Amino acid sequence: MAPRFNTLGMEGFRKALKDKGLKATPQRVAVHEAMLRLVHASAEMVREDVLGNGGRITVSSVYNILSQMADIGIYSRRLSAAGRKIFDVVPTRHLHMYDVVEDVYKDVADPELLDLVETYLHRHRFKGHKIEDIDISLVCRPTRRGRSALTPKLKK
């Protein structure tokens, strides 16, 4: 079973928006519902999900909403090897396994590795730079047995 990470359910999402002075518009709600289903997705993937669930929205509206949610800390961003911007419904620090063949991300729960990296970085400084965040993606290629381990690739 895949690890569970803290995400904002609809009630928490509505409260977070209100705390930031934003309204829970039907489009924002539809995008968040899609992100809860998809976990890691591009604007195109979210739009496809919203349309598949009876909603109407443009890719540019989805992208603007996803970007706004990332800017206020509800989602995070990453870039796939294929050059697509991927948004992550889990904004807290965690590891990813990135499948270069399927172009998908999977969350990995390994607090021990994160602690080791964080401890190392606290002892080693990079002159002229301040580390703001740690973003670790394990880039992989599935084995025959591992193909079903990652989330199925969604249509682009």
N, C-alpha and C. Protein backbone atom coordinates (compact mmCIF):
# COMPACT_ATOMS: atom_id res chain seq x y z
N MET A 1 0.84 -1.18 0.00
CA MET A 1 0.00 0.00 0.00
C MET A 1 0.89 1.24 0.00
N ALA A 2 0.49 2.24 -0.78
CA ALA A 2 1.25 3.48 -0.89
C ALA A 2 1.16 4.27 0.42
N PRO A 3 2.24 4.98 0.75
CA PRO A 3 2.21 5.78 1.98
C PRO A 3 1.19 6.90 1.86
N ARG A 4 0.62 7.29 2.99
CA ARG A 4 -0.35 8.38 3.02
C ARG A 4 0.36 9.64 3.53
N PHE A 5 0.12 10.71 2.86
CA PHE A 5 0.69 11.98 3.25
C PHE A 5 -0.44 12.94 3.57
N ASN A 6 -0.14 13.95 4.36
CA ASN A 6 -1.16 14.92 4.72
C ASN A 6 -1.48 15.82 3.53
N THR A 7 -2.75 15.82 3.16
CA THR A 7 -3.26 16.71 2.14
C THR A 7 -4.45 17.44 2.73
N LEU A 8 -4.79 18.55 2.14
CA LEU A 8 -5.95 19.29 2.61
C LEU A 8 -7.22 18.70 1.98
N GLY A 9 -8.09 18.16 2.82
CA GLY A 9 -9.41 17.76 2.34
C GLY A 9 -10.18 19.01 1.97
N MET A 10 -11.41 18.86 1.54
CA MET A 10 -12.18 20.00 1.08
C MET A 10 -12.40 21.04 2.18
N GLU A 11 -12.68 20.59 3.39
CA GLU A 11 -12.90 21.54 4.48
C GLU A 11 -11.63 22.34 4.77
N GLY A 12 -10.49 21.65 4.84
CA GLY A 12 -9.22 22.33 5.07
C GLY A 12 -8.84 23.25 3.92
N PHE A 13 -9.17 22.82 2.69
CA PHE A 13 -8.90 23.63 1.51
C PHE A 13 -9.70 24.93 1.57
N ARG A 14 -10.98 24.82 1.87
CA ARG A 14 -11.84 26.01 1.96
C ARG A 14 -11.33 26.97 3.05
N LYS A 15 -10.91 26.40 4.18
CA LYS A 15 -10.40 27.22 5.28
C LYS A 15 -9.08 27.90 4.88
N ALA A 16 -8.20 27.17 4.22
CA ALA A 16 -6.93 27.75 3.78
C ALA A 16 -7.16 28.91 2.81
N LEU A 17 -8.11 28.73 1.90
CA LEU A 17 -8.43 29.81 0.97
C LEU A 17 -8.96 31.03 1.72
N LYS A 18 -9.89 30.78 2.64
CA LYS A 18 -10.47 31.88 3.42
C LYS A 18 -9.39 32.62 4.21
N ASP A 19 -8.46 31.85 4.81
CA ASP A 19 -7.36 32.45 5.57
C ASP A 19 -6.49 33.35 4.69
N LYS A 20 -6.42 33.04 3.40
CA LYS A 20 -5.62 33.84 2.46
C LYS A 20 -6.45 34.91 1.76
N GLY A 21 -7.73 35.04 2.16
CA GLY A 21 -8.59 36.05 1.56
C GLY A 21 -9.12 35.68 0.19
N LEU A 22 -9.14 34.39 -0.10
CA LEU A 22 -9.61 33.90 -1.40
C LEU A 22 -10.93 33.16 -1.24
N LYS A 23 -11.73 33.17 -2.30
CA LYS A 23 -13.01 32.47 -2.27
C LYS A 23 -12.84 31.06 -2.82
N ALA A 24 -13.65 30.15 -2.30
CA ALA A 24 -13.67 28.77 -2.80
C ALA A 24 -14.63 28.73 -3.99
N THR A 25 -14.14 29.22 -5.13
CA THR A 25 -14.97 29.27 -6.33
C THR A 25 -15.20 27.84 -6.84
N PRO A 26 -16.24 27.64 -7.64
CA PRO A 26 -16.47 26.30 -8.20
C PRO A 26 -15.26 25.77 -8.96
N GLN A 27 -14.55 26.65 -9.68
CA GLN A 27 -13.38 26.20 -10.43
C GLN A 27 -12.24 25.78 -9.49
N ARG A 28 -11.99 26.54 -8.45
CA ARG A 28 -10.94 26.16 -7.49
C ARG A 28 -11.29 24.84 -6.81
N VAL A 29 -12.54 24.69 -6.44
CA VAL A 29 -12.99 23.45 -5.79
C VAL A 29 -12.83 22.27 -6.75
N ALA A 30 -13.22 22.44 -8.01
CA ALA A 30 -13.09 21.36 -9.00
C ALA A 30 -11.63 20.97 -9.21
N VAL A 31 -10.76 21.96 -9.26
CA VAL A 31 -9.32 21.69 -9.43
C VAL A 31 -8.78 20.95 -8.21
N HIS A 32 -9.17 21.37 -7.01
CA HIS A 32 -8.68 20.69 -5.82
C HIS A 32 -9.21 19.25 -5.74
N GLU A 33 -10.46 19.05 -6.08
CA GLU A 33 -11.00 17.68 -6.10
C GLU A 33 -10.21 16.81 -7.07
N ALA A 34 -9.87 17.36 -8.23
CA ALA A 34 -9.06 16.61 -9.21
C ALA A 34 -7.68 16.31 -8.64
N MET A 35 -7.06 17.30 -7.99
CA MET A 35 -5.73 17.08 -7.42
C MET A 35 -5.76 16.03 -6.31
N LEU A 36 -6.83 15.98 -5.53
CA LEU A 36 -6.93 14.94 -4.50
C LEU A 36 -6.98 13.55 -5.14
N ARG A 37 -7.60 13.45 -6.31
CA ARG A 37 -7.65 12.16 -7.01
C ARG A 37 -6.32 11.84 -7.68
N LEU A 38 -5.67 12.84 -8.27
CA LEU A 38 -4.47 12.62 -9.08
C LEU A 38 -3.16 12.65 -8.29
N VAL A 39 -3.08 13.45 -7.26
CA VAL A 39 -1.92 13.66 -6.39
C VAL A 39 -0.79 14.43 -7.08
N HIS A 40 -0.28 13.95 -8.20
CA HIS A 40 0.76 14.64 -8.98
C HIS A 40 0.18 14.82 -10.38
N ALA A 41 0.09 16.08 -10.86
CA ALA A 41 -0.55 16.28 -12.16
C ALA A 41 -0.13 17.59 -12.80
N SER A 42 -0.18 17.60 -14.13
CA SER A 42 0.00 18.82 -14.91
C SER A 42 -1.36 19.48 -15.06
N ALA A 43 -1.36 20.71 -15.55
CA ALA A 43 -2.62 21.42 -15.77
C ALA A 43 -3.50 20.65 -16.77
N GLU A 44 -2.88 20.08 -17.77
CA GLU A 44 -3.65 19.32 -18.77
C GLU A 44 -4.31 18.09 -18.14
N MET A 45 -3.59 17.42 -17.26
CA MET A 45 -4.14 16.24 -16.60
C MET A 45 -5.31 16.61 -15.68
N VAL A 46 -5.17 17.74 -14.98
CA VAL A 46 -6.24 18.20 -14.10
C VAL A 46 -7.46 18.57 -14.93
N ARG A 47 -7.25 19.28 -16.03
CA ARG A 47 -8.38 19.66 -16.89
C ARG A 47 -9.11 18.43 -17.39
N GLU A 48 -8.36 17.43 -17.82
CA GLU A 48 -8.98 16.18 -18.31
C GLU A 48 -9.82 15.53 -17.21
N ASP A 49 -9.31 15.53 -15.99
CA ASP A 49 -10.04 14.95 -14.87
C ASP A 49 -11.32 15.75 -14.58
N VAL A 50 -11.21 17.07 -14.57
CA VAL A 50 -12.39 17.92 -14.32
C VAL A 50 -13.44 17.69 -15.39
N LEU A 51 -13.02 17.66 -16.66
CA LEU A 51 -13.96 17.42 -17.75
C LEU A 51 -14.61 16.04 -17.62
N GLY A 52 -13.83 15.06 -17.24
CA GLY A 52 -14.34 13.70 -17.07
C GLY A 52 -15.33 13.56 -15.92
N ASN A 53 -15.32 14.54 -15.03
CA ASN A 53 -16.25 14.54 -13.91
C ASN A 53 -17.36 15.57 -14.09
N GLY A 54 -17.59 15.97 -15.34
CA GLY A 54 -18.72 16.84 -15.66
C GLY A 54 -18.49 18.32 -15.54
N GLY A 55 -17.26 18.74 -15.25
CA GLY A 55 -16.97 20.16 -15.12
C GLY A 55 -16.55 20.78 -16.43
N ARG A 56 -16.43 22.10 -16.41
CA ARG A 56 -15.96 22.85 -17.58
C ARG A 56 -14.91 23.83 -17.11
N ILE A 57 -13.75 23.79 -17.76
CA ILE A 57 -12.65 24.68 -17.38
C ILE A 57 -11.61 24.66 -18.48
N THR A 58 -10.90 25.77 -18.65
CA THR A 58 -9.84 25.83 -19.65
C THR A 58 -8.51 25.43 -19.01
N VAL A 59 -7.57 25.03 -19.85
CA VAL A 59 -6.24 24.68 -19.36
C VAL A 59 -5.58 25.89 -18.70
N SER A 60 -5.76 27.06 -19.29
CA SER A 60 -5.12 28.25 -18.71
C SER A 60 -5.72 28.56 -17.33
N SER A 61 -7.02 28.38 -17.15
CA SER A 61 -7.62 28.59 -15.83
C SER A 61 -7.08 27.59 -14.83
N VAL A 62 -6.96 26.34 -15.24
CA VAL A 62 -6.41 25.30 -14.35
C VAL A 62 -4.98 25.66 -13.98
N TYR A 63 -4.16 26.04 -14.95
CA TYR A 63 -2.77 26.38 -14.68
C TYR A 63 -2.68 27.56 -13.71
N ASN A 64 -3.50 28.58 -13.93
CA ASN A 64 -3.50 29.74 -13.03
C ASN A 64 -3.89 29.34 -11.60
N ILE A 65 -4.89 28.49 -11.46
CA ILE A 65 -5.32 28.04 -10.13
C ILE A 65 -4.22 27.21 -9.47
N LEU A 66 -3.65 26.26 -10.22
CA LEU A 66 -2.57 25.43 -9.66
C LEU A 66 -1.39 26.29 -9.23
N SER A 67 -1.01 27.26 -10.05
CA SER A 67 0.11 28.14 -9.72
C SER A 67 -0.19 28.97 -8.48
N GLN A 68 -1.41 29.49 -8.40
CA GLN A 68 -1.81 30.28 -7.24
C GLN A 68 -1.78 29.42 -5.98
N MET A 69 -2.27 28.18 -6.07
CA MET A 69 -2.28 27.29 -4.90
C MET A 69 -0.85 26.93 -4.49
N ALA A 70 0.05 26.78 -5.45
CA ALA A 70 1.45 26.52 -5.12
C ALA A 70 2.09 27.76 -4.48
N ASP A 71 1.75 28.93 -4.99
CA ASP A 71 2.32 30.17 -4.43
C ASP A 71 1.92 30.38 -2.97
N ILE A 72 0.71 29.92 -2.59
CA ILE A 72 0.28 30.11 -1.20
C ILE A 72 0.54 28.88 -0.32
N GLY A 73 1.21 27.86 -0.88
CA GLY A 73 1.65 26.72 -0.09
C GLY A 73 0.67 25.56 0.04
N ILE A 74 -0.40 25.56 -0.74
CA ILE A 74 -1.35 24.44 -0.68
C ILE A 74 -0.83 23.28 -1.52
N TYR A 75 -0.16 23.58 -2.64
CA TYR A 75 0.47 22.57 -3.48
C TYR A 75 1.96 22.90 -3.58
N SER A 76 2.71 21.97 -4.16
CA SER A 76 4.10 22.26 -4.50
C SER A 76 4.27 21.99 -6.00
N ARG A 77 5.41 22.40 -6.53
CA ARG A 77 5.69 22.25 -7.97
C ARG A 77 6.91 21.37 -8.17
N ARG A 78 6.96 20.72 -9.30
CA ARG A 78 8.16 20.03 -9.76
C ARG A 78 8.16 20.02 -11.28
N LEU A 79 9.28 19.65 -11.84
CA LEU A 79 9.41 19.60 -13.30
C LEU A 79 9.78 18.18 -13.68
N SER A 80 9.00 17.60 -14.59
CA SER A 80 9.30 16.23 -15.01
C SER A 80 10.46 16.24 -16.00
N ALA A 81 11.07 15.09 -16.21
CA ALA A 81 12.17 14.98 -17.17
C ALA A 81 11.67 15.30 -18.58
N ALA A 82 10.37 15.14 -18.81
CA ALA A 82 9.78 15.46 -20.11
C ALA A 82 9.52 16.96 -20.24
N GLY A 83 9.88 17.74 -19.20
CA GLY A 83 9.74 19.18 -19.26
C GLY A 83 8.35 19.70 -18.89
N ARG A 84 7.50 18.85 -18.32
CA ARG A 84 6.17 19.29 -17.91
C ARG A 84 6.20 19.78 -16.47
N LYS A 85 5.46 20.88 -16.20
CA LYS A 85 5.29 21.33 -14.83
C LYS A 85 4.27 20.43 -14.17
N ILE A 86 4.68 19.82 -13.06
CA ILE A 86 3.81 18.92 -12.31
C ILE A 86 3.54 19.57 -10.96
N PHE A 87 2.28 19.55 -10.56
CA PHE A 87 1.89 20.07 -9.26
C PHE A 87 1.62 18.89 -8.34
N ASP A 88 1.94 19.08 -7.07
CA ASP A 88 1.84 18.02 -6.07
C ASP A 88 0.89 18.48 -4.98
N VAL A 89 -0.12 17.67 -4.68
CA VAL A 89 -1.12 18.02 -3.67
C VAL A 89 -0.54 17.95 -2.26
N VAL A 90 0.65 17.35 -2.11
CA VAL A 90 1.31 17.26 -0.81
C VAL A 90 2.39 18.34 -0.75
N PRO A 91 2.15 19.43 -0.02
CA PRO A 91 3.13 20.52 0.00
C PRO A 91 4.28 20.32 0.98
N THR A 92 4.16 19.34 1.89
CA THR A 92 5.20 19.13 2.89
C THR A 92 6.36 18.34 2.31
N ARG A 93 7.51 18.42 2.99
CA ARG A 93 8.72 17.76 2.53
C ARG A 93 8.55 16.24 2.50
N HIS A 94 8.84 15.65 1.36
CA HIS A 94 8.81 14.20 1.21
C HIS A 94 9.60 13.83 -0.04
N LEU A 95 9.91 12.56 -0.16
CA LEU A 95 10.68 12.06 -1.30
C LEU A 95 9.74 11.66 -2.43
N HIS A 96 10.31 11.61 -3.63
CA HIS A 96 9.57 11.12 -4.79
C HIS A 96 10.39 10.08 -5.53
N MET A 97 9.69 9.18 -6.13
CA MET A 97 10.29 8.27 -7.09
C MET A 97 9.71 8.71 -8.43
N TYR A 98 10.58 9.04 -9.37
CA TYR A 98 10.14 9.51 -10.68
C TYR A 98 10.47 8.45 -11.71
N ASP A 99 9.46 7.93 -12.36
CA ASP A 99 9.60 6.90 -13.40
C ASP A 99 9.79 7.60 -14.74
N VAL A 100 11.01 7.52 -15.29
CA VAL A 100 11.33 8.21 -16.54
C VAL A 100 10.63 7.58 -17.74
N VAL A 101 10.27 6.32 -17.63
CA VAL A 101 9.58 5.65 -18.74
C VAL A 101 8.12 6.09 -18.80
N GLU A 102 7.46 6.04 -17.66
CA GLU A 102 6.03 6.37 -17.60
C GLU A 102 5.78 7.85 -17.37
N ASP A 103 6.82 8.62 -17.00
CA ASP A 103 6.71 10.05 -16.72
C ASP A 103 5.70 10.31 -15.61
N VAL A 104 5.84 9.55 -14.50
CA VAL A 104 4.95 9.71 -13.34
C VAL A 104 5.78 9.79 -12.06
N TYR A 105 5.20 10.44 -11.06
CA TYR A 105 5.80 10.54 -9.73
C TYR A 105 5.02 9.66 -8.76
N LYS A 106 5.74 9.16 -7.77
CA LYS A 106 5.14 8.41 -6.67
C LYS A 106 5.76 8.94 -5.39
N ASP A 107 4.94 9.17 -4.37
CA ASP A 107 5.45 9.60 -3.08
C ASP A 107 6.14 8.44 -2.38
N VAL A 108 7.23 8.74 -1.71
CA VAL A 108 7.99 7.74 -0.97
C VAL A 108 8.14 8.23 0.47
N ALA A 109 7.74 7.40 1.41
CA ALA A 109 7.87 7.74 2.83
C ALA A 109 9.20 7.18 3.34
N ASP A 110 10.15 8.07 3.59
CA ASP A 110 11.43 7.65 4.15
C ASP A 110 12.00 8.78 5.00
N PRO A 111 11.38 9.00 6.18
CA PRO A 111 11.84 10.10 7.03
C PRO A 111 13.30 9.94 7.47
N GLU A 112 13.79 8.71 7.56
CA GLU A 112 15.18 8.49 7.96
C GLU A 112 16.14 9.10 6.94
N LEU A 113 15.88 8.89 5.65
CA LEU A 113 16.73 9.47 4.61
C LEU A 113 16.65 10.99 4.63
N LEU A 114 15.45 11.52 4.78
CA LEU A 114 15.30 12.98 4.86
C LEU A 114 16.07 13.55 6.06
N ASP A 115 15.99 12.87 7.20
CA ASP A 115 16.74 13.31 8.38
C ASP A 115 18.24 13.28 8.15
N LEU A 116 18.73 12.21 7.50
CA LEU A 116 20.16 12.12 7.19
C LEU A 116 20.62 13.27 6.30
N VAL A 117 19.84 13.56 5.26
CA VAL A 117 20.20 14.63 4.33
C VAL A 117 20.16 15.98 5.05
N GLU A 118 19.12 16.20 5.82
CA GLU A 118 18.99 17.45 6.55
C GLU A 118 20.14 17.64 7.55
N THR A 119 20.48 16.60 8.28
CA THR A 119 21.60 16.65 9.23
C THR A 119 22.90 16.96 8.51
N TYR A 120 23.13 16.28 7.39
CA TYR A 120 24.34 16.52 6.59
C TYR A 120 24.41 17.98 6.15
N LEU A 121 23.29 18.50 5.64
CA LEU A 121 23.29 19.86 5.12
C LEU A 121 23.45 20.91 6.21
N HIS A 122 23.01 20.61 7.42
CA HIS A 122 23.22 21.54 8.53
C HIS A 122 24.70 21.62 8.91
N ARG A 123 25.45 20.54 8.68
CA ARG A 123 26.89 20.52 9.00
C ARG A 123 27.74 21.06 7.87
N HIS A 124 27.23 21.06 6.65
CA HIS A 124 28.00 21.48 5.47
C HIS A 124 27.31 22.69 4.82
N ARG A 125 28.00 23.78 4.79
CA ARG A 125 27.46 25.00 4.21
C ARG A 125 27.97 25.15 2.78
N PHE A 126 27.20 25.85 1.98
CA PHE A 126 27.60 26.16 0.61
C PHE A 126 27.83 27.67 0.55
N LYS A 127 29.09 28.04 0.47
CA LYS A 127 29.48 29.45 0.54
C LYS A 127 28.67 30.28 -0.46
N GLY A 128 28.07 31.34 0.08
CA GLY A 128 27.31 32.25 -0.77
C GLY A 128 25.89 31.81 -1.05
N HIS A 129 25.46 30.71 -0.44
CA HIS A 129 24.09 30.21 -0.68
C HIS A 129 23.42 29.78 0.62
N LYS A 130 22.13 29.96 0.65
CA LYS A 130 21.33 29.50 1.78
C LYS A 130 20.31 28.49 1.23
N ILE A 131 20.29 27.30 1.78
CA ILE A 131 19.35 26.28 1.32
C ILE A 131 17.97 26.62 1.85
N GLU A 132 17.02 26.73 0.95
CA GLU A 132 15.64 27.06 1.32
C GLU A 132 14.77 25.82 1.47
N ASP A 133 15.08 24.78 0.73
CA ASP A 133 14.24 23.59 0.75
C ASP A 133 15.06 22.40 0.26
N ILE A 134 14.56 21.23 0.55
CA ILE A 134 15.17 20.00 0.05
C ILE A 134 14.13 19.29 -0.79
N ASP A 135 14.47 18.97 -2.03
CA ASP A 135 13.56 18.30 -2.94
C ASP A 135 14.31 17.13 -3.55
N ILE A 136 14.00 15.94 -3.09
CA ILE A 136 14.71 14.76 -3.56
C ILE A 136 13.79 13.90 -4.41
N SER A 137 14.22 13.63 -5.63
CA SER A 137 13.50 12.72 -6.51
C SER A 137 14.45 11.59 -6.90
N LEU A 138 14.04 10.39 -6.64
CA LEU A 138 14.80 9.22 -7.04
C LEU A 138 14.36 8.87 -8.46
N VAL A 139 15.25 9.04 -9.41
CA VAL A 139 14.91 8.81 -10.81
C VAL A 139 15.10 7.32 -11.09
N CYS A 140 14.06 6.70 -11.63
CA CYS A 140 14.12 5.25 -11.81
C CYS A 140 13.53 4.82 -13.15
N ARG A 141 13.77 3.58 -13.44
CA ARG A 141 13.20 2.91 -14.61
C ARG A 141 12.62 1.62 -14.06
N PRO A 142 11.35 1.34 -14.31
CA PRO A 142 10.73 0.16 -13.70
C PRO A 142 11.28 -1.15 -14.23
N THR A 143 11.36 -2.12 -13.33
CA THR A 143 11.67 -3.49 -13.73
C THR A 143 10.36 -4.13 -14.16
N ARG A 144 10.40 -5.32 -14.65
CA ARG A 144 9.15 -5.99 -15.06
C ARG A 144 8.18 -6.09 -13.90
N ARG A 145 8.70 -6.46 -12.73
CA ARG A 145 7.83 -6.58 -11.55
C ARG A 145 7.38 -5.22 -11.04
N GLY A 146 8.16 -4.18 -11.29
CA GLY A 146 7.86 -2.87 -10.76
C GLY A 146 6.90 -2.04 -11.60
N ARG A 147 6.58 -2.48 -12.80
CA ARG A 147 5.71 -1.68 -13.68
C ARG A 147 4.39 -1.32 -13.03
N SER A 148 3.79 -2.22 -12.30
CA SER A 148 2.48 -1.94 -11.70
C SER A 148 2.60 -1.19 -10.38
N ALA A 149 3.83 -0.98 -9.90
CA ALA A 149 4.02 -0.35 -8.60
C ALA A 149 3.70 1.14 -8.61
N LEU A 150 3.94 1.81 -9.73
CA LEU A 150 3.68 3.24 -9.80
C LEU A 150 2.29 3.50 -10.33
N THR A 151 1.80 4.68 -10.06
CA THR A 151 0.49 5.07 -10.54
C THR A 151 0.44 4.94 -12.05
N PRO A 152 -0.64 4.41 -12.61
CA PRO A 152 -0.73 4.29 -14.07
C PRO A 152 -0.61 5.66 -14.74
N LYS A 153 0.03 5.68 -15.88
CA LYS A 153 0.22 6.92 -16.61
C LYS A 153 -1.14 7.42 -17.10
N LEU A 154 -1.37 8.69 -16.89
CA LEU A 154 -2.62 9.30 -17.34
C LEU A 154 -2.44 9.84 -18.74
N LYS A 155 -3.52 9.92 -19.49
CA LYS A 155 -3.46 10.48 -20.84
C LYS A 155 -3.05 11.94 -20.77
N LYS A 156 -2.24 12.35 -21.72
CA LYS A 156 -1.80 13.74 -21.76
C LYS A 156 -2.77 14.55 -22.59
